[in-house]
Amino acid sequence: MTDLDETTVQPDLIATHYLTSIDEVTEHLRAANQLGLGVRVRSYLESDEEVDGLIERWEVELLTGSPVHEGEVAEAEDGPAATEE
């Protein structure tokens, strides 16, 4: 049986990259996967005066391990009990 308290420790942040295309995001995700790193990806809109509108940008955080959201931990605690052998 795994102790859920051990999995709630958030991994350390290695670097944050601000990207302008989904191709760059995909490249970073593949590299992180090959290196066994965790990632957190966020998208946001930024105003662009040249096109007189909004453009989408991405923030990719590289982490020492997989991030766990508190909601995911609560769901795991409420789920079926693990059986011990």
N, C-alpha and C. Protein backbone atom coordinates (compact mmCIF):
# COMPACT_ATOMS: atom_id res chain seq x y z
N MET A 1 0.85 -1.18 0.00
CA MET A 1 0.00 0.00 0.00
C MET A 1 0.89 1.24 0.00
N THR A 2 0.53 2.22 -0.81
CA THR A 2 1.31 3.45 -0.92
C THR A 2 0.75 4.51 0.01
N ASP A 3 1.64 5.20 0.70
CA ASP A 3 1.23 6.29 1.59
C ASP A 3 0.98 7.53 0.74
N LEU A 4 -0.25 8.02 0.70
CA LEU A 4 -0.60 9.17 -0.13
C LEU A 4 0.12 10.44 0.30
N ASP A 5 0.50 10.52 1.58
CA ASP A 5 1.21 11.72 2.04
C ASP A 5 2.55 11.87 1.33
N GLU A 6 3.16 10.77 0.93
CA GLU A 6 4.45 10.85 0.24
C GLU A 6 4.28 11.45 -1.15
N THR A 7 3.14 11.23 -1.80
CA THR A 7 2.95 11.71 -3.16
C THR A 7 2.48 13.16 -3.21
N THR A 8 2.10 13.77 -2.09
CA THR A 8 1.61 15.14 -2.11
C THR A 8 2.73 16.17 -2.11
N VAL A 9 3.97 15.78 -1.94
CA VAL A 9 5.08 16.71 -1.99
C VAL A 9 5.27 17.14 -3.44
N GLN A 10 5.21 18.43 -3.67
CA GLN A 10 5.33 18.95 -5.02
C GLN A 10 6.79 18.91 -5.49
N PRO A 11 7.00 18.57 -6.76
CA PRO A 11 8.37 18.51 -7.30
C PRO A 11 8.96 19.91 -7.42
N ASP A 12 10.28 19.97 -7.48
CA ASP A 12 10.99 21.25 -7.61
C ASP A 12 10.93 21.75 -9.05
N LEU A 13 10.86 23.06 -9.20
CA LEU A 13 10.87 23.70 -10.50
C LEU A 13 12.30 23.79 -11.02
N ILE A 14 12.52 23.32 -12.24
CA ILE A 14 13.84 23.40 -12.87
C ILE A 14 13.95 24.66 -13.72
N ALA A 15 12.95 24.87 -14.59
CA ALA A 15 12.98 26.02 -15.49
C ALA A 15 11.57 26.32 -15.99
N THR A 16 11.35 27.56 -16.41
CA THR A 16 10.10 27.97 -17.03
C THR A 16 10.40 28.53 -18.41
N HIS A 17 9.66 28.05 -19.41
CA HIS A 17 9.84 28.50 -20.79
C HIS A 17 8.54 29.14 -21.27
N TYR A 18 8.66 30.29 -21.92
CA TYR A 18 7.51 30.99 -22.49
C TYR A 18 7.59 30.82 -24.00
N LEU A 19 6.59 30.13 -24.56
CA LEU A 19 6.65 29.72 -25.96
C LEU A 19 5.55 30.38 -26.77
N THR A 20 5.79 30.48 -28.09
CA THR A 20 4.85 31.18 -28.96
C THR A 20 4.12 30.28 -29.94
N SER A 21 4.49 28.99 -30.03
CA SER A 21 3.78 28.10 -30.95
C SER A 21 3.57 26.74 -30.31
N ILE A 22 2.53 26.06 -30.77
CA ILE A 22 2.23 24.74 -30.25
C ILE A 22 3.32 23.74 -30.65
N ASP A 23 3.99 23.99 -31.76
CA ASP A 23 5.11 23.12 -32.17
C ASP A 23 6.25 23.18 -31.16
N GLU A 24 6.52 24.37 -30.64
CA GLU A 24 7.55 24.51 -29.59
C GLU A 24 7.13 23.77 -28.33
N VAL A 25 5.86 23.87 -27.98
CA VAL A 25 5.34 23.19 -26.79
C VAL A 25 5.52 21.68 -26.96
N THR A 26 5.15 21.15 -28.11
CA THR A 26 5.28 19.72 -28.38
C THR A 26 6.73 19.28 -28.29
N GLU A 27 7.63 20.06 -28.83
CA GLU A 27 9.06 19.74 -28.76
C GLU A 27 9.55 19.69 -27.32
N HIS A 28 9.14 20.64 -26.51
CA HIS A 28 9.54 20.67 -25.09
C HIS A 28 8.96 19.48 -24.33
N LEU A 29 7.71 19.12 -24.64
CA LEU A 29 7.08 17.98 -23.96
C LEU A 29 7.79 16.67 -24.32
N ARG A 30 8.15 16.49 -25.56
CA ARG A 30 8.89 15.28 -25.98
C ARG A 30 10.24 15.20 -25.28
N ALA A 31 10.95 16.32 -25.22
CA ALA A 31 12.25 16.33 -24.57
C ALA A 31 12.13 16.03 -23.08
N ALA A 32 11.14 16.62 -22.43
CA ALA A 32 10.92 16.36 -21.00
C ALA A 32 10.60 14.90 -20.76
N ASN A 33 9.79 14.31 -21.64
CA ASN A 33 9.45 12.89 -21.52
C ASN A 33 10.69 12.02 -21.64
N GLN A 34 11.56 12.31 -22.60
CA GLN A 34 12.78 11.53 -22.77
C GLN A 34 13.71 11.65 -21.57
N LEU A 35 13.69 12.78 -20.91
CA LEU A 35 14.55 13.01 -19.75
C LEU A 35 13.88 12.56 -18.44
N GLY A 36 12.63 12.15 -18.50
CA GLY A 36 11.92 11.71 -17.31
C GLY A 36 11.53 12.85 -16.38
N LEU A 37 11.29 14.03 -16.95
CA LEU A 37 10.93 15.20 -16.15
C LEU A 37 9.42 15.39 -16.14
N GLY A 38 8.94 16.03 -15.12
CA GLY A 38 7.54 16.40 -15.06
C GLY A 38 7.35 17.75 -15.73
N VAL A 39 6.14 18.02 -16.17
CA VAL A 39 5.84 19.30 -16.81
C VAL A 39 4.50 19.83 -16.33
N ARG A 40 4.38 21.12 -16.40
CA ARG A 40 3.10 21.80 -16.15
C ARG A 40 2.96 22.80 -17.30
N VAL A 41 1.85 22.74 -18.03
CA VAL A 41 1.65 23.61 -19.20
C VAL A 41 0.43 24.49 -18.94
N ARG A 42 0.58 25.76 -19.23
CA ARG A 42 -0.52 26.71 -19.13
C ARG A 42 -0.57 27.51 -20.42
N SER A 43 -1.76 27.82 -20.88
CA SER A 43 -1.89 28.72 -22.03
C SER A 43 -2.53 30.02 -21.55
N TYR A 44 -2.22 31.07 -22.26
CA TYR A 44 -2.78 32.38 -21.91
C TYR A 44 -2.86 33.23 -23.16
N LEU A 45 -3.67 34.27 -23.11
CA LEU A 45 -3.82 35.19 -24.23
C LEU A 45 -3.06 36.47 -23.93
N GLU A 46 -2.45 37.00 -24.99
CA GLU A 46 -1.66 38.22 -24.87
C GLU A 46 -2.10 39.16 -25.99
N SER A 47 -2.26 40.44 -25.67
CA SER A 47 -2.66 41.38 -26.72
C SER A 47 -1.50 41.64 -27.66
N ASP A 48 -1.83 41.75 -28.95
CA ASP A 48 -0.83 41.99 -29.98
C ASP A 48 -1.30 43.18 -30.81
N GLU A 49 -0.56 44.27 -30.72
CA GLU A 49 -0.94 45.49 -31.42
C GLU A 49 -0.81 45.35 -32.93
N GLU A 50 0.11 44.48 -33.40
CA GLU A 50 0.32 44.32 -34.84
C GLU A 50 -0.90 43.71 -35.53
N VAL A 51 -1.53 42.73 -34.88
CA VAL A 51 -2.71 42.09 -35.48
C VAL A 51 -4.00 42.64 -34.87
N ASP A 52 -3.88 43.60 -33.96
CA ASP A 52 -5.03 44.23 -33.31
C ASP A 52 -5.98 43.19 -32.71
N GLY A 53 -5.40 42.33 -31.89
CA GLY A 53 -6.20 41.30 -31.24
C GLY A 53 -5.38 40.54 -30.22
N LEU A 54 -5.85 39.34 -29.94
CA LEU A 54 -5.18 38.50 -28.95
C LEU A 54 -4.48 37.33 -29.64
N ILE A 55 -3.35 36.95 -29.09
CA ILE A 55 -2.64 35.78 -29.58
C ILE A 55 -2.40 34.83 -28.41
N GLU A 56 -2.36 33.55 -28.72
CA GLU A 56 -2.19 32.54 -27.67
C GLU A 56 -0.70 32.30 -27.43
N ARG A 57 -0.35 32.19 -26.15
CA ARG A 57 1.02 31.89 -25.72
C ARG A 57 0.96 30.73 -24.75
N TRP A 58 2.11 30.09 -24.52
CA TRP A 58 2.19 28.95 -23.61
C TRP A 58 3.33 29.12 -22.63
N GLU A 59 3.09 28.66 -21.41
CA GLU A 59 4.11 28.62 -20.35
C GLU A 59 4.34 27.14 -20.02
N VAL A 60 5.58 26.69 -20.16
CA VAL A 60 5.92 25.30 -19.87
C VAL A 60 6.92 25.30 -18.72
N GLU A 61 6.53 24.67 -17.61
CA GLU A 61 7.42 24.53 -16.46
C GLU A 61 7.98 23.12 -16.45
N LEU A 62 9.30 23.01 -16.37
CA LEU A 62 9.96 21.72 -16.23
C LEU A 62 10.18 21.45 -14.76
N LEU A 63 9.77 20.25 -14.32
CA LEU A 63 9.82 19.90 -12.90
C LEU A 63 10.64 18.62 -12.69
N THR A 64 11.09 18.43 -11.47
CA THR A 64 11.89 17.24 -11.15
C THR A 64 11.05 15.97 -11.16
N GLY A 65 9.74 16.08 -11.11
CA GLY A 65 8.85 14.92 -11.13
C GLY A 65 7.48 15.35 -11.58
N SER A 66 6.55 14.42 -11.59
CA SER A 66 5.19 14.71 -12.03
C SER A 66 4.45 15.51 -10.97
N PRO A 67 3.81 16.63 -11.37
CA PRO A 67 3.05 17.41 -10.40
C PRO A 67 1.75 16.71 -10.03
N VAL A 68 1.33 16.86 -8.78
CA VAL A 68 0.08 16.28 -8.31
C VAL A 68 -0.79 17.42 -7.81
N HIS A 69 -2.01 17.50 -8.33
CA HIS A 69 -2.96 18.51 -7.86
C HIS A 69 -3.64 18.01 -6.61
N GLU A 70 -3.95 18.92 -5.69
CA GLU A 70 -4.59 18.53 -4.44
C GLU A 70 -5.92 17.82 -4.70
N GLY A 71 -6.64 18.20 -5.73
CA GLY A 71 -7.90 17.55 -6.07
C GLY A 71 -7.70 16.09 -6.45
N GLU A 72 -6.59 15.78 -7.14
CA GLU A 72 -6.29 14.40 -7.52
C GLU A 72 -6.00 13.56 -6.29
N VAL A 73 -5.32 14.14 -5.30
CA VAL A 73 -5.02 13.41 -4.06
C VAL A 73 -6.31 13.11 -3.32
N ALA A 74 -7.22 14.09 -3.25
CA ALA A 74 -8.49 13.89 -2.56
C ALA A 74 -9.30 12.79 -3.24
N GLU A 75 -9.30 12.76 -4.58
CA GLU A 75 -10.02 11.71 -5.30
C GLU A 75 -9.43 10.34 -4.99
N ALA A 76 -8.11 10.25 -4.93
CA ALA A 76 -7.45 8.98 -4.64
C ALA A 76 -7.79 8.50 -3.23
N GLU A 77 -7.90 9.44 -2.28
CA GLU A 77 -8.24 9.08 -0.91
C GLU A 77 -9.68 8.59 -0.80
N ASP A 78 -10.58 9.16 -1.62
CA ASP A 78 -11.99 8.78 -1.59
C ASP A 78 -12.28 7.52 -2.39
N GLY A 79 -11.34 7.10 -3.23
CA GLY A 79 -11.54 5.94 -4.10
C GLY A 79 -11.52 4.65 -3.31
N PRO A 80 -11.61 3.52 -4.03
CA PRO A 80 -11.62 2.22 -3.37
C PRO A 80 -10.32 1.97 -2.60
N ALA A 81 -10.44 1.28 -1.49
CA ALA A 81 -9.28 1.00 -0.66
C ALA A 81 -8.36 -0.01 -1.35
N ALA A 82 -7.07 0.21 -1.21
CA ALA A 82 -6.09 -0.72 -1.78
C ALA A 82 -6.05 -1.98 -0.91
N THR A 83 -5.85 -3.08 -1.57
CA THR A 83 -5.77 -4.34 -0.81
C THR A 83 -4.32 -4.68 -0.55
N GLU A 84 -4.06 -5.22 0.61
CA GLU A 84 -2.71 -5.62 0.97
C GLU A 84 -2.60 -7.12 0.78
N GLU A 85 -1.44 -7.55 0.33
CA GLU A 85 -1.21 -8.98 0.13
C GLU A 85 -0.49 -9.57 1.29
